[in-house]
Amino acid sequence: MRSGAKVAIVGGVFVLVAGGLSYGAYNVLSGDGSGGIGSTSAPATVKTGPPDAKEIAATSKAFFAAWSTGNGPGAAQLTNNPVEAEPVLTGYSAEAHIEHVVITPGPAVGAKVPYTVKGTVSFEGQSKPLSYSSELTVVRGQTTHKPLVDWQPTVVHPKLAKGTTLVTGESSSPEIEAVDRNGVVLSPDTYPSLGPVIATLRKKYGEKAGGTPGIETWIKGADEATPDITLLTLAKGKPGKVQTTIDANVQAAAEKAVKQFSGASVVAVRPSTGAIRAIANNPATEFNVALEGAQAPGSTMKIVTAAMLLERGVATANGAVECPVEATWRSRTFHNLNNFSLPDGSTFTQTFANSCNTGFIKLIDEVHDDSALAKEAKEVFGIGLDWKTGVTTRDGSVPEEVGGEAAAQYIGQGTIQMNVLNMASITATAHTGTFIQPVIVPLDLDGRMPAKASRSLPTSVVQQLNTMMRATASWGTAAKAMGSIDGDKGAKTGSAEVDGQGTSNSWFTGFRNDLAAAGVVQSGGHGGDAAGPVVAAVLGAG
C-alpha cells in the first residue's frame, strides 16, 4: 500500500481512506458482489441497459481507489479494455513517478463522473505537486453486463491519447528558447498558439541548439513526428536558442485577432522569402489547425482557378464573362450566393471581385482538361509537394477529378483540401508569380531542401491576377474588411459548406505590400464577415 492511504477493517469489509473519501473494496477479479465462500444465494439477475446511479457511483469509486493506490492491474480490470488500460495505469506510478495521489470526484452528470487529481511527482531528489481535472464514463460491459469504466487514455490525463505515454525523467530533448526574427523571446504564455510549434522545434532542434536537458514530466508522443507535451518541470535544463521567422508584432496581432471568433485560424507569410510571420488558432490546442487542417477553402481557391484560366487564354482580366443566376455542368447545377447575377458584358475582373460561381463554371467548356486545376495547383503553386517548413504541416491537396466533381473544384468545393498556411502561400505566389516554400526556421539550420514548383506564372498573368485581387479589396466582396488597410492591397473572399453544416465556414485571404495572410473561421458565414477582419488585423500589423 502506497504512503498517504490508510486501511481499516470495518465490519469485515476492507475500506480505503484516501483524500477524505471512503471507498468500499470491490471484488476486482469477479467484478460483482454476489455470493461468497459458502454462499447459497441464487445467481444474480443479469442487468441490461445503461448503468444506474448506484452502479456509476460504486464503479467510479472502486476505480479511483485502485488507481490512487498504484494498483494499475486492479484499476484496469474495472474498465472495458483492461489490456490497453493496464500499462497506462501501471505506468502512472512506475514511469511517471506520481505518488500520494488524491482523486476527488464531483457530482455525476448522467454516466459521466468529473474529478480532480492531485499528486506529487518525485524523481532523483526532485519533487513537485501535480494537479489537473478529467472525467470518465461508466458503461455496461458488452459481455459481462457489469458496470465498467469506458476506457480512454484521457481518463488518466486529459492530454493523453492512444499510443502516448506519461513519463518523468531527464527530458527527451533539451529545452529551447525560441526567438522571433528580431530576437524577441517567443513564450507560449505570451503567444499560446505557438505552444505546439515550439514543442515541435524543441524535439527537432533541441540538441542542435546546444541546450542541456532538465527533469520533467511529459506526455511522450506516439511517434517521432508527434511532439512531446511537457506537463511539469522539476528541474530546469539550459535552453538552446532557436531563431524563427516569426515577427512578434504580427504574431501578437494574430493572437488577438483569432480571439474574436471561436474556431478561428490565421497564418501570415512574406511573399518575397516564404518566411512565416505569424500562426494563430483559437482555441490553441496541440493539433495545429492553421498548419495541419484540411478543408475545402471555398472561393479563395478561385485565385488558382483564375490563374489557370488566364494562363490558358480562356479569359482575360478585362474580357467579358457570363455570370447568370445558375450554371449546369454535366448534370450538376451551381448557384451564386443569394442567387445574384451580373449584367451582360461584365468582365472577368468583375466576376472575380463579386465571387460569381457561375462565371467560373461557364468557362469549363473552353478548358478541355478536367485535370487542369490540379496541374496548376501543383506545378505553379506548389500544392501537394512535400514542404519542409521546419515543423509538421499539411501541404494541400487538389486531386484530379472528372465531371461535376472537377467543376466543384473550380470554386473551391468538392475534394480540395487546404489550410490557411496553404492559402497564404497561394496568395503570396499569386502576388509575386513564383512559389517560395514557406519556412519557420532557416533552411540552413538542418540543410533542408525546400519544395520547388516546376514553373512560375507568366508576367502578364501575374499582372492580371493582382489587378483582380486589388479590385476585390477595393470595391468587391473584400472591400469592407480591407477598408482600413493602406498600401498595395489585394484579397479574395470565400465560404465553404462542409458535411452539410448549417452555416458555411468563412475564408479570407489577402496581401498588403510584402505580407500575405489567410484565415478561416469555422461556421463563420461569408468570408468578409468573420475571416476578413481577422486577416485584415494581421495585415495591418505587418
Protein backbone atom coordinates (compact mmCIF):
# COMPACT_ATOMS: atom_id res chain seq x y z
CA MET A 1 0.00 0.00 0.00
CA ARG A 2 1.42 3.37 -1.01
CA SER A 3 2.00 6.09 1.58
CA GLY A 4 -0.81 8.57 2.02
CA ALA A 5 -3.55 5.90 2.16
CA LYS A 6 -4.96 4.27 5.28
CA VAL A 7 -6.56 0.88 5.60
CA ALA A 8 -9.12 -0.22 8.17
CA ILE A 9 -11.35 -3.24 8.77
CA VAL A 10 -14.92 -2.15 9.39
CA GLY A 11 -17.45 -4.92 9.99
CA GLY A 12 -15.40 -7.36 7.95
CA VAL A 13 -15.23 -5.02 4.95
CA PHE A 14 -11.93 -3.70 3.57
CA VAL A 15 -12.10 0.15 3.39
CA LEU A 16 -9.60 2.50 1.78
CA VAL A 17 -9.48 6.09 3.03
CA ALA A 18 -7.74 8.49 0.65
CA GLY A 19 -8.12 12.23 0.36
CA GLY A 20 -11.01 12.32 2.80
CA LEU A 21 -13.08 9.80 0.80
CA SER A 22 -14.04 6.30 1.91
CA TYR A 23 -14.11 3.69 -0.82
CA GLY A 24 -15.64 0.29 -0.16
CA ALA A 25 -13.48 -2.53 -1.52
CA TYR A 26 -14.74 -4.42 -4.59
CA ASN A 27 -14.02 -7.88 -5.87
CA VAL A 28 -11.65 -6.81 -8.65
CA LEU A 29 -11.36 -10.26 -10.18
CA SER A 30 -15.05 -11.09 -10.40
CA GLY A 31 -16.35 -7.53 -10.52
CA ASP A 32 -19.57 -8.39 -8.70
CA GLY A 33 -20.75 -8.58 -5.09
CA SER A 34 -22.94 -11.67 -5.36
CA GLY A 35 -22.23 -14.60 -3.14
CA GLY A 36 -19.01 -15.52 -1.39
CA ILE A 37 -17.40 -18.53 0.28
CA GLY A 38 -20.14 -20.89 1.28
CA SER A 39 -22.82 -18.74 -0.25
CA THR A 40 -26.01 -20.49 -1.28
CA SER A 41 -27.78 -17.45 -2.71
CA ALA A 42 -29.34 -17.62 -6.16
CA PRO A 43 -27.34 -16.29 -9.14
CA ALA A 44 -27.68 -12.55 -9.59
CA THR A 45 -30.01 -11.31 -12.30
CA VAL A 46 -28.10 -10.14 -15.39
CA LYS A 47 -28.64 -6.43 -15.82
CA THR A 48 -29.04 -4.70 -19.17
CA GLY A 49 -29.23 -1.11 -20.32
CA PRO A 50 -27.20 1.84 -19.04
CA PRO A 51 -25.77 1.63 -15.50
CA ASP A 52 -27.90 3.22 -12.81
CA ALA A 53 -26.71 5.92 -10.40
CA LYS A 54 -25.64 3.43 -7.71
CA GLU A 55 -23.60 1.40 -10.18
CA ILE A 56 -21.95 4.54 -11.55
CA ALA A 57 -21.00 5.70 -8.05
CA ALA A 58 -19.73 2.29 -6.93
CA THR A 59 -17.73 1.60 -10.09
CA SER A 60 -16.08 5.01 -10.22
CA LYS A 61 -15.16 4.87 -6.52
CA ALA A 62 -13.65 1.42 -6.85
CA PHE A 63 -11.68 2.55 -9.89
CA PHE A 64 -10.41 5.68 -8.12
CA ALA A 65 -9.39 3.60 -5.10
CA ALA A 66 -7.31 1.19 -7.17
CA TRP A 67 -5.75 3.91 -9.32
CA SER A 68 -4.87 6.23 -6.41
CA THR A 69 -3.02 3.45 -4.55
CA GLY A 70 -0.92 2.41 -7.52
CA ASN A 71 -2.91 -0.77 -8.23
CA GLY A 72 -2.81 -0.45 -12.00
CA PRO A 73 -3.86 -4.05 -12.77
CA GLY A 74 -6.80 -3.80 -10.38
CA ALA A 75 -7.95 -0.49 -11.83
CA ALA A 76 -7.61 -1.86 -15.36
CA GLN A 77 -9.93 -4.77 -14.54
CA LEU A 78 -12.63 -2.21 -13.73
CA THR A 79 -12.52 -0.91 -17.31
CA ASN A 80 -13.96 -2.31 -20.52
CA ASN A 81 -10.48 -2.60 -22.05
CA PRO A 82 -8.04 -3.88 -19.41
CA VAL A 83 -5.40 -4.83 -21.98
CA GLU A 84 -4.91 -1.23 -23.10
CA ALA A 85 -5.68 0.34 -19.72
CA GLU A 86 -3.23 -1.66 -17.59
CA PRO A 87 0.11 -0.32 -18.93
CA VAL A 88 -1.13 3.27 -18.76
CA LEU A 89 -2.45 2.93 -15.22
CA THR A 90 0.60 0.99 -14.02
CA GLY A 91 2.93 3.47 -15.70
CA TYR A 92 1.29 6.30 -13.76
CA SER A 93 3.38 5.40 -10.71
CA ALA A 94 6.11 3.25 -12.27
CA GLU A 95 7.05 5.52 -15.21
CA ALA A 96 5.62 8.92 -14.34
CA HIS A 97 6.61 8.59 -10.65
CA ILE A 98 3.38 10.17 -9.40
CA GLU A 99 2.60 9.33 -5.78
CA HIS A 100 0.43 10.45 -2.83
CA VAL A 101 -2.48 10.59 -5.27
CA VAL A 102 -5.80 12.03 -4.11
CA ILE A 103 -8.76 11.81 -6.51
CA THR A 104 -11.80 13.90 -5.67
CA PRO A 105 -14.92 13.14 -7.71
CA GLY A 106 -17.59 15.69 -8.44
CA PRO A 107 -21.32 15.05 -8.90
CA ALA A 108 -22.05 12.64 -11.74
CA VAL A 109 -23.77 14.04 -14.81
CA GLY A 110 -25.59 11.08 -16.22
CA ALA A 111 -22.97 8.38 -16.70
CA LYS A 112 -20.09 10.88 -16.66
CA VAL A 113 -18.10 11.47 -13.48
CA PRO A 114 -15.83 14.53 -13.34
CA TYR A 115 -12.92 14.57 -10.91
CA THR A 116 -9.76 16.36 -9.88
CA VAL A 117 -6.43 14.62 -9.39
CA LYS A 118 -3.73 15.86 -7.05
CA GLY A 119 -0.43 14.13 -6.52
CA THR A 120 3.30 14.60 -6.14
CA VAL A 121 5.87 13.86 -8.81
CA SER A 122 9.19 12.70 -7.33
CA PHE A 123 12.34 11.81 -9.26
CA GLU A 124 16.01 11.73 -8.22
CA GLY A 125 15.54 14.02 -5.23
CA GLN A 126 13.32 16.49 -7.10
CA SER A 127 9.58 16.74 -6.40
CA LYS A 128 6.69 19.00 -7.33
CA PRO A 129 2.91 18.87 -6.97
CA LEU A 130 0.78 18.00 -9.98
CA SER A 131 -2.94 18.66 -10.32
CA TYR A 132 -5.48 18.54 -13.12
CA SER A 133 -9.11 17.65 -13.90
CA SER A 134 -10.63 14.99 -16.10
CA GLU A 135 -13.73 12.81 -16.38
CA LEU A 136 -14.76 9.22 -17.02
CA THR A 137 -17.89 7.48 -18.23
CA VAL A 138 -19.36 4.31 -16.77
CA VAL A 139 -20.89 1.89 -19.28
CA ARG A 140 -22.43 -1.57 -19.25
CA GLY A 141 -19.97 -4.31 -20.24
CA GLN A 142 -20.98 -5.94 -23.51
CA THR A 143 -20.20 -9.47 -22.38
CA THR A 144 -20.10 -9.26 -18.57
CA HIS A 145 -23.10 -6.91 -18.33
CA LYS A 146 -21.33 -5.32 -15.36
CA PRO A 147 -20.75 -1.58 -14.94
CA LEU A 148 -17.26 -0.68 -16.15
CA VAL A 149 -15.23 2.45 -16.78
CA ASP A 150 -15.24 3.20 -20.50
CA TRP A 151 -11.50 3.15 -21.17
CA GLN A 152 -9.96 6.17 -22.84
CA PRO A 153 -6.40 7.41 -22.21
CA THR A 154 -7.96 10.76 -21.20
CA VAL A 155 -9.27 9.05 -18.09
CA VAL A 156 -5.72 9.18 -16.70
CA HIS A 157 -4.88 12.63 -18.08
CA PRO A 158 -6.91 14.87 -20.43
CA LYS A 159 -3.95 15.29 -22.80
CA LEU A 160 -3.16 11.60 -23.15
CA ALA A 161 -4.08 9.97 -26.48
CA LYS A 162 -3.83 6.44 -27.80
CA GLY A 163 -0.19 5.45 -28.19
CA THR A 164 1.14 8.23 -25.95
CA THR A 165 2.66 7.61 -22.52
CA LEU A 166 3.17 9.59 -19.33
CA VAL A 167 6.85 9.79 -18.34
CA THR A 168 9.03 11.51 -15.74
CA GLY A 169 12.80 11.73 -16.11
CA GLU A 170 15.54 13.55 -17.91
CA SER A 171 13.79 15.33 -20.78
CA SER A 172 13.97 13.60 -24.16
CA SER A 173 15.35 16.76 -25.74
CA PRO A 174 16.88 19.93 -24.28
CA GLU A 175 14.71 22.96 -23.78
CA ILE A 176 14.86 25.73 -26.38
CA GLU A 177 14.40 29.45 -26.25
CA ALA A 178 12.54 30.24 -29.46
CA VAL A 179 13.01 33.83 -30.62
CA ASP A 180 11.46 35.85 -33.40
CA ARG A 181 13.35 37.32 -36.35
CA ASN A 182 14.48 40.25 -34.19
CA GLY A 183 15.49 38.19 -31.15
CA VAL A 184 12.28 38.66 -29.14
CA VAL A 185 11.61 35.60 -26.95
CA LEU A 186 8.51 33.68 -28.04
CA SER A 187 6.93 32.26 -24.90
CA PRO A 188 3.81 30.05 -25.14
CA ASP A 189 2.46 32.00 -22.18
CA THR A 190 2.54 35.18 -24.27
CA TYR A 191 1.79 33.56 -27.62
CA PRO A 192 -0.32 30.47 -26.81
CA SER A 193 -0.79 29.46 -30.46
CA LEU A 194 2.96 28.88 -30.74
CA GLY A 195 2.92 26.22 -28.00
CA PRO A 196 2.74 23.20 -30.34
CA VAL A 197 5.12 24.89 -32.78
CA ILE A 198 7.76 25.43 -30.09
CA ALA A 199 7.26 21.85 -28.86
CA THR A 200 7.98 20.56 -32.36
CA LEU A 201 11.01 22.82 -32.75
CA ARG A 202 12.32 21.59 -29.43
CA LYS A 203 12.02 17.94 -30.47
CA LYS A 204 13.68 18.57 -33.83
CA TYR A 205 16.32 21.13 -32.94
CA GLY A 206 16.83 20.98 -29.14
CA GLU A 207 20.13 19.11 -29.31
CA LYS A 208 21.34 21.09 -32.33
CA ALA A 209 20.68 24.33 -30.45
CA GLY A 210 23.19 23.35 -27.75
CA GLY A 211 20.95 23.19 -24.69
CA THR A 212 21.06 20.68 -21.84
CA PRO A 213 18.08 18.59 -20.68
CA GLY A 214 16.22 19.13 -17.43
CA ILE A 215 13.98 16.82 -15.38
CA GLU A 216 10.36 16.89 -16.49
CA THR A 217 7.06 15.09 -16.55
CA TRP A 218 5.80 14.86 -20.10
CA ILE A 219 3.48 13.05 -22.45
CA LYS A 220 5.63 11.17 -24.92
CA GLY A 221 4.36 11.34 -28.48
CA ALA A 222 3.09 8.23 -30.24
CA ASP A 223 5.78 8.55 -32.92
CA GLU A 224 8.81 10.63 -33.88
CA ALA A 225 6.68 13.16 -35.74
CA THR A 226 4.49 13.88 -32.71
CA PRO A 227 5.95 16.45 -30.30
CA ASP A 228 6.12 15.68 -26.59
CA ILE A 229 3.88 17.69 -24.26
CA THR A 230 5.64 18.95 -21.13
CA LEU A 231 3.32 18.91 -18.10
CA LEU A 232 5.72 19.76 -15.27
CA THR A 233 9.35 20.88 -14.93
CA LEU A 234 11.04 19.56 -11.80
CA ALA A 235 14.49 20.93 -12.63
CA LYS A 236 15.31 23.26 -15.49
CA GLY A 237 18.00 22.50 -18.01
CA LYS A 238 19.88 25.04 -20.08
CA PRO A 239 17.83 26.10 -23.11
CA GLY A 240 19.41 26.46 -26.54
CA LYS A 241 18.37 29.36 -28.75
CA VAL A 242 16.40 28.71 -31.95
CA GLN A 243 15.69 31.69 -34.20
CA THR A 244 12.44 31.57 -36.13
CA THR A 245 10.96 33.67 -38.94
CA ILE A 246 8.06 34.78 -36.72
CA ASP A 247 7.54 38.51 -36.21
CA ALA A 248 6.45 39.10 -32.60
CA ASN A 249 4.34 42.14 -33.52
CA VAL A 250 2.47 40.30 -36.26
CA GLN A 251 2.11 37.25 -34.01
CA ALA A 252 0.63 39.38 -31.23
CA ALA A 253 -1.88 40.84 -33.70
CA ALA A 254 -2.76 37.34 -34.92
CA GLU A 255 -3.30 36.04 -31.36
CA LYS A 256 -5.60 38.97 -30.62
CA ALA A 257 -7.46 38.68 -33.93
CA VAL A 258 -8.40 35.00 -33.61
CA LYS A 259 -9.87 35.62 -30.16
CA GLN A 260 -12.75 37.41 -31.89
CA PHE A 261 -14.17 34.08 -33.04
CA SER A 262 -14.17 30.51 -31.78
CA GLY A 263 -12.74 28.18 -34.40
CA ALA A 264 -10.55 30.87 -36.00
CA SER A 265 -7.12 30.28 -37.55
CA VAL A 266 -4.73 32.59 -39.42
CA VAL A 267 -1.24 32.44 -40.94
CA ALA A 268 0.89 35.25 -42.37
CA VAL A 269 3.75 34.71 -44.86
CA ARG A 270 6.25 37.08 -46.51
CA PRO A 271 5.83 36.56 -50.29
CA SER A 272 9.38 37.56 -51.23
CA THR A 273 11.05 34.98 -48.94
CA GLY A 274 8.42 32.48 -47.76
CA ALA A 275 9.13 33.42 -44.13
CA ILE A 276 6.18 32.59 -41.87
CA ARG A 277 5.46 35.69 -39.80
CA ALA A 278 2.54 34.51 -37.67
CA ILE A 279 0.49 31.40 -36.80
CA ALA A 280 -2.57 31.62 -34.57
CA ASN A 281 -5.52 29.40 -33.59
CA ASN A 282 -8.50 29.78 -31.29
CA PRO A 283 -8.61 27.53 -29.41
CA ALA A 284 -4.86 26.92 -29.21
CA THR A 285 -4.60 23.14 -28.95
CA GLU A 286 -1.94 20.50 -29.60
CA PHE A 287 -3.45 19.97 -33.06
CA ASN A 288 -2.37 22.98 -35.09
CA VAL A 289 -5.37 23.66 -37.35
CA ALA A 290 -3.62 26.53 -39.14
CA LEU A 291 -0.80 24.26 -40.32
CA GLU A 292 -2.33 20.78 -40.32
CA GLY A 293 -6.02 21.33 -41.05
CA ALA A 294 -7.64 20.13 -44.27
CA GLN A 295 -10.90 21.61 -45.55
CA ALA A 296 -12.45 22.93 -48.73
CA PRO A 297 -11.37 26.60 -48.98
CA GLY A 298 -14.36 27.91 -50.93
CA SER A 299 -13.95 30.79 -53.34
CA THR A 300 -10.45 31.68 -52.14
CA MET A 301 -9.45 28.82 -54.45
CA LYS A 302 -10.61 30.96 -57.38
CA ILE A 303 -7.15 32.56 -57.23
CA VAL A 304 -5.69 29.30 -58.58
CA THR A 305 -8.61 28.78 -60.96
CA ALA A 306 -8.26 32.30 -62.33
CA ALA A 307 -4.52 31.82 -62.82
CA MET A 308 -5.19 28.63 -64.79
CA LEU A 309 -7.86 30.29 -66.97
CA LEU A 310 -5.62 33.30 -67.64
CA GLU A 311 -2.62 31.10 -68.47
CA ARG A 312 -4.66 29.05 -70.94
CA GLY A 313 -6.09 32.13 -72.63
CA VAL A 314 -9.65 31.16 -71.73
CA ALA A 315 -10.19 34.52 -70.03
CA THR A 316 -8.55 37.91 -69.59
CA ALA A 317 -8.99 40.37 -66.76
CA ASN A 318 -10.94 42.82 -68.97
CA GLY A 319 -12.65 40.20 -71.16
CA ALA A 320 -16.39 39.62 -70.97
CA VAL A 321 -17.67 36.66 -68.92
CA GLU A 322 -21.24 35.48 -68.32
CA CYS A 323 -22.49 35.43 -64.72
CA PRO A 324 -26.04 34.00 -64.67
CA VAL A 325 -28.00 33.00 -61.57
CA GLU A 326 -27.15 29.34 -62.12
CA ALA A 327 -25.00 27.19 -64.38
CA THR A 328 -25.00 23.43 -65.04
CA TRP A 329 -22.02 21.24 -65.89
CA ARG A 330 -22.54 17.56 -66.60
CA SER A 331 -25.83 17.37 -64.70
CA ARG A 332 -24.52 19.29 -61.69
CA THR A 333 -26.07 22.71 -61.10
CA PHE A 334 -24.22 25.56 -59.36
CA HIS A 335 -25.65 28.79 -57.92
CA ASN A 336 -24.29 32.13 -56.77
CA LEU A 337 -24.70 33.34 -53.20
CA ASN A 338 -28.26 34.59 -52.77
CA ASN A 339 -28.82 33.77 -56.47
CA PHE A 340 -27.29 37.03 -57.74
CA SER A 341 -26.24 37.60 -61.34
CA LEU A 342 -24.18 40.21 -63.19
CA PRO A 343 -25.25 42.18 -66.29
CA ASP A 344 -24.24 41.02 -69.76
CA GLY A 345 -20.83 42.31 -70.74
CA SER A 346 -19.40 42.06 -67.20
CA THR A 347 -15.64 41.44 -67.15
CA PHE A 348 -13.68 38.57 -65.64
CA THR A 349 -12.40 41.05 -63.03
CA GLN A 350 -15.99 41.85 -62.03
CA THR A 351 -16.82 38.15 -61.91
CA PHE A 352 -13.81 37.51 -59.65
CA ALA A 353 -14.33 40.54 -57.41
CA ASN A 354 -18.00 39.69 -56.86
CA SER A 355 -17.19 35.99 -56.39
CA CYS A 356 -19.50 34.78 -59.14
CA ASN A 357 -19.51 30.98 -59.07
CA THR A 358 -21.42 30.53 -62.31
CA GLY A 359 -18.97 32.71 -64.24
CA PHE A 360 -16.20 30.23 -63.48
CA ILE A 361 -18.38 27.20 -64.23
CA LYS A 362 -19.40 28.66 -67.61
CA LEU A 363 -15.72 28.71 -68.69
CA ILE A 364 -15.09 24.99 -68.13
CA ASP A 365 -16.15 24.07 -71.68
CA GLU A 366 -13.20 26.02 -73.05
CA VAL A 367 -10.55 24.31 -70.88
CA HIS A 368 -10.88 20.79 -72.34
CA ASP A 369 -8.92 19.22 -69.46
CA ASP A 370 -10.55 18.04 -66.24
CA SER A 371 -7.14 17.83 -64.55
CA ALA A 372 -6.13 21.39 -65.46
CA LEU A 373 -6.74 22.80 -61.97
CA ALA A 374 -4.83 20.02 -60.22
CA LYS A 375 -1.89 20.61 -62.56
CA GLU A 376 -1.94 24.39 -61.98
CA ALA A 377 -2.06 23.93 -58.18
CA LYS A 378 0.96 21.63 -58.16
CA GLU A 379 3.11 22.99 -60.98
CA VAL A 380 2.74 26.70 -60.17
CA PHE A 381 1.54 26.99 -56.55
CA GLY A 382 3.46 24.05 -55.02
CA ILE A 383 0.33 22.41 -53.59
CA GLY A 384 0.78 18.75 -52.74
CA LEU A 385 4.56 18.89 -52.76
CA ASP A 386 6.49 17.82 -49.66
CA TRP A 387 7.04 21.13 -47.87
CA LYS A 388 9.99 21.30 -45.46
CA THR A 389 8.86 24.19 -43.28
CA GLY A 390 10.72 23.09 -40.13
CA VAL A 391 7.54 21.91 -38.37
CA THR A 392 4.74 19.48 -39.19
CA THR A 393 2.45 20.81 -41.92
CA ARG A 394 -0.17 19.50 -44.31
CA ASP A 395 0.63 20.83 -47.74
CA GLY A 396 -2.72 20.93 -49.50
CA SER A 397 -4.41 18.60 -51.95
CA VAL A 398 -6.17 19.08 -55.29
CA PRO A 399 -6.95 15.57 -56.57
CA GLU A 400 -7.53 15.05 -60.27
CA GLU A 401 -11.29 14.71 -60.77
CA VAL A 402 -13.73 14.44 -63.66
CA GLY A 403 -17.18 15.77 -64.48
CA GLY A 404 -19.18 17.60 -61.82
CA GLU A 405 -16.57 16.97 -59.13
CA ALA A 406 -13.93 18.70 -61.26
CA ALA A 407 -16.32 21.62 -61.74
CA ALA A 408 -16.86 21.91 -57.97
CA GLN A 409 -13.11 22.29 -57.56
CA TYR A 410 -13.15 25.43 -59.74
CA ILE A 411 -14.96 27.23 -56.92
CA GLY A 412 -13.06 25.62 -54.04
CA GLN A 413 -15.56 22.89 -53.18
CA GLY A 414 -15.56 19.12 -53.61
CA THR A 415 -12.43 17.15 -52.82
CA ILE A 416 -10.00 20.08 -52.45
CA GLN A 417 -8.29 20.16 -49.02
CA MET A 418 -6.49 23.25 -47.75
CA ASN A 419 -5.49 25.03 -44.56
CA VAL A 420 -4.68 28.69 -44.00
CA LEU A 421 -0.94 28.15 -44.43
CA ASN A 422 -1.65 26.74 -47.91
CA MET A 423 -3.94 29.65 -48.81
CA ALA A 424 -1.48 32.27 -47.50
CA SER A 425 1.19 30.66 -49.69
CA ILE A 426 -1.16 30.63 -52.70
CA THR A 427 -1.79 34.33 -52.21
CA ALA A 428 1.94 35.00 -51.87
CA THR A 429 2.59 33.08 -55.11
CA ALA A 430 -0.14 34.96 -56.94
CA HIS A 431 1.34 38.26 -55.76
CA THR A 432 4.90 37.54 -56.91
CA GLY A 433 4.32 34.92 -59.60
CA THR A 434 6.74 32.38 -58.09
CA PHE A 435 6.16 29.78 -55.38
CA ILE A 436 8.62 30.10 -52.49
CA GLN A 437 8.04 27.36 -49.96
CA PRO A 438 7.07 28.73 -46.51
CA VAL A 439 9.55 28.20 -43.65
CA ILE A 440 9.54 28.90 -39.94
CA VAL A 441 13.25 28.26 -39.31
CA PRO A 442 16.11 28.86 -41.76
CA LEU A 443 16.75 26.07 -44.25
CA ASP A 444 20.44 26.00 -43.38
CA LEU A 445 19.67 25.14 -39.75
CA ASP A 446 19.49 21.49 -40.78
CA GLY A 447 20.20 21.52 -44.50
CA ARG A 448 16.59 21.05 -45.57
CA MET A 449 15.83 21.17 -49.28
CA PRO A 450 12.67 23.20 -49.94
CA ALA A 451 9.90 22.08 -52.27
CA LYS A 452 10.05 23.79 -55.65
CA ALA A 453 7.28 24.30 -58.19
CA SER A 454 8.13 23.39 -61.77
CA ARG A 455 7.35 26.83 -63.22
CA SER A 456 6.37 30.42 -62.45
CA LEU A 457 3.39 32.36 -63.74
CA PRO A 458 3.92 34.47 -66.86
CA THR A 459 4.34 38.18 -66.10
CA SER A 460 1.11 39.09 -67.90
CA VAL A 461 -0.85 36.60 -65.77
CA VAL A 462 0.69 37.92 -62.55
CA GLN A 463 -0.30 41.48 -63.51
CA GLN A 464 -3.89 40.50 -64.34
CA LEU A 465 -4.27 38.34 -61.23
CA ASN A 466 -3.05 41.16 -58.99
CA THR A 467 -5.41 43.60 -60.74
CA MET A 468 -8.32 41.30 -59.97
CA MET A 469 -7.32 40.86 -56.32
CA ARG A 470 -6.82 44.60 -55.91
CA ALA A 471 -10.30 45.17 -57.32
CA THR A 472 -11.74 42.68 -54.83
CA ALA A 473 -10.11 44.55 -51.94
CA SER A 474 -11.09 47.99 -53.25
CA TRP A 475 -14.72 47.57 -54.33
CA GLY A 476 -15.52 43.83 -54.36
CA THR A 477 -16.55 41.38 -51.68
CA ALA A 478 -13.44 42.12 -49.58
CA ALA A 479 -13.81 45.91 -49.59
CA LYS A 480 -15.42 46.22 -46.15
CA ALA A 481 -12.83 44.05 -44.40
CA MET A 482 -9.89 45.70 -46.18
CA GLY A 483 -11.19 49.25 -45.87
CA SER A 484 -8.81 50.22 -43.08
CA ILE A 485 -5.74 48.74 -44.78
CA ASP A 486 -3.43 51.09 -46.66
CA GLY A 487 -0.63 50.34 -49.13
CA ASP A 488 -0.73 47.95 -52.06
CA LYS A 489 -3.51 45.52 -51.16
CA GLY A 490 -5.49 42.70 -52.70
CA ALA A 491 -7.82 39.98 -51.40
CA LYS A 492 -10.27 37.18 -52.09
CA THR A 493 -13.23 36.04 -50.00
CA GLY A 494 -14.66 32.55 -49.72
CA SER A 495 -17.22 30.42 -47.94
CA ALA A 496 -17.46 26.64 -47.91
CA GLU A 497 -20.01 24.24 -46.50
CA VAL A 498 -18.55 21.02 -45.09
CA ASP A 499 -20.65 17.90 -44.48
CA GLY A 500 -23.93 19.77 -44.85
CA GLN A 501 -23.30 22.19 -41.97
CA GLY A 502 -25.93 24.88 -41.44
CA THR A 503 -23.58 27.87 -41.66
CA SER A 504 -20.64 27.83 -44.04
CA ASN A 505 -17.01 28.24 -42.99
CA SER A 506 -15.69 31.75 -43.54
CA TRP A 507 -12.47 32.03 -45.59
CA PHE A 508 -10.46 35.11 -46.50
CA THR A 509 -7.01 35.70 -47.95
CA GLY A 510 -5.16 38.84 -48.94
CA PHE A 511 -1.89 40.70 -49.28
CA ARG A 512 -0.59 44.09 -48.22
CA ASN A 513 2.77 45.09 -49.64
CA ASP A 514 5.17 42.22 -48.83
CA LEU A 515 2.89 40.32 -46.45
CA ALA A 516 0.22 37.74 -47.32
CA ALA A 517 -2.24 36.24 -44.85
CA ALA A 518 -5.14 33.80 -44.89
CA GLY A 519 -7.75 32.98 -42.29
CA VAL A 520 -10.71 30.71 -41.65
CA VAL A 521 -13.50 30.84 -39.07
CA GLN A 522 -15.45 27.64 -38.64
CA SER A 523 -19.18 28.26 -39.29
CA GLY A 524 -18.38 31.97 -39.65
CA GLY A 525 -20.56 32.57 -42.72
CA HIS A 526 -19.44 34.86 -45.53
CA GLY A 527 -15.69 35.29 -45.91
CA GLY A 528 -15.74 39.05 -45.47
CA ASP A 529 -17.78 38.92 -42.27
CA ALA A 530 -15.62 36.78 -39.95
CA ALA A 531 -12.32 35.68 -41.50
CA GLY A 532 -11.96 39.07 -43.23
CA PRO A 533 -11.48 41.14 -40.05
CA VAL A 534 -9.05 38.52 -38.70
CA VAL A 535 -6.83 38.69 -41.80
CA ALA A 536 -7.09 42.48 -42.04
CA ALA A 537 -5.89 42.87 -38.44
CA VAL A 538 -2.83 40.72 -39.19
CA LEU A 539 -2.02 42.53 -42.45
CA GLY A 540 -2.38 45.86 -40.67
CA ALA A 541 0.25 44.84 -38.12
CA GLY A 542 2.75 43.96 -40.85
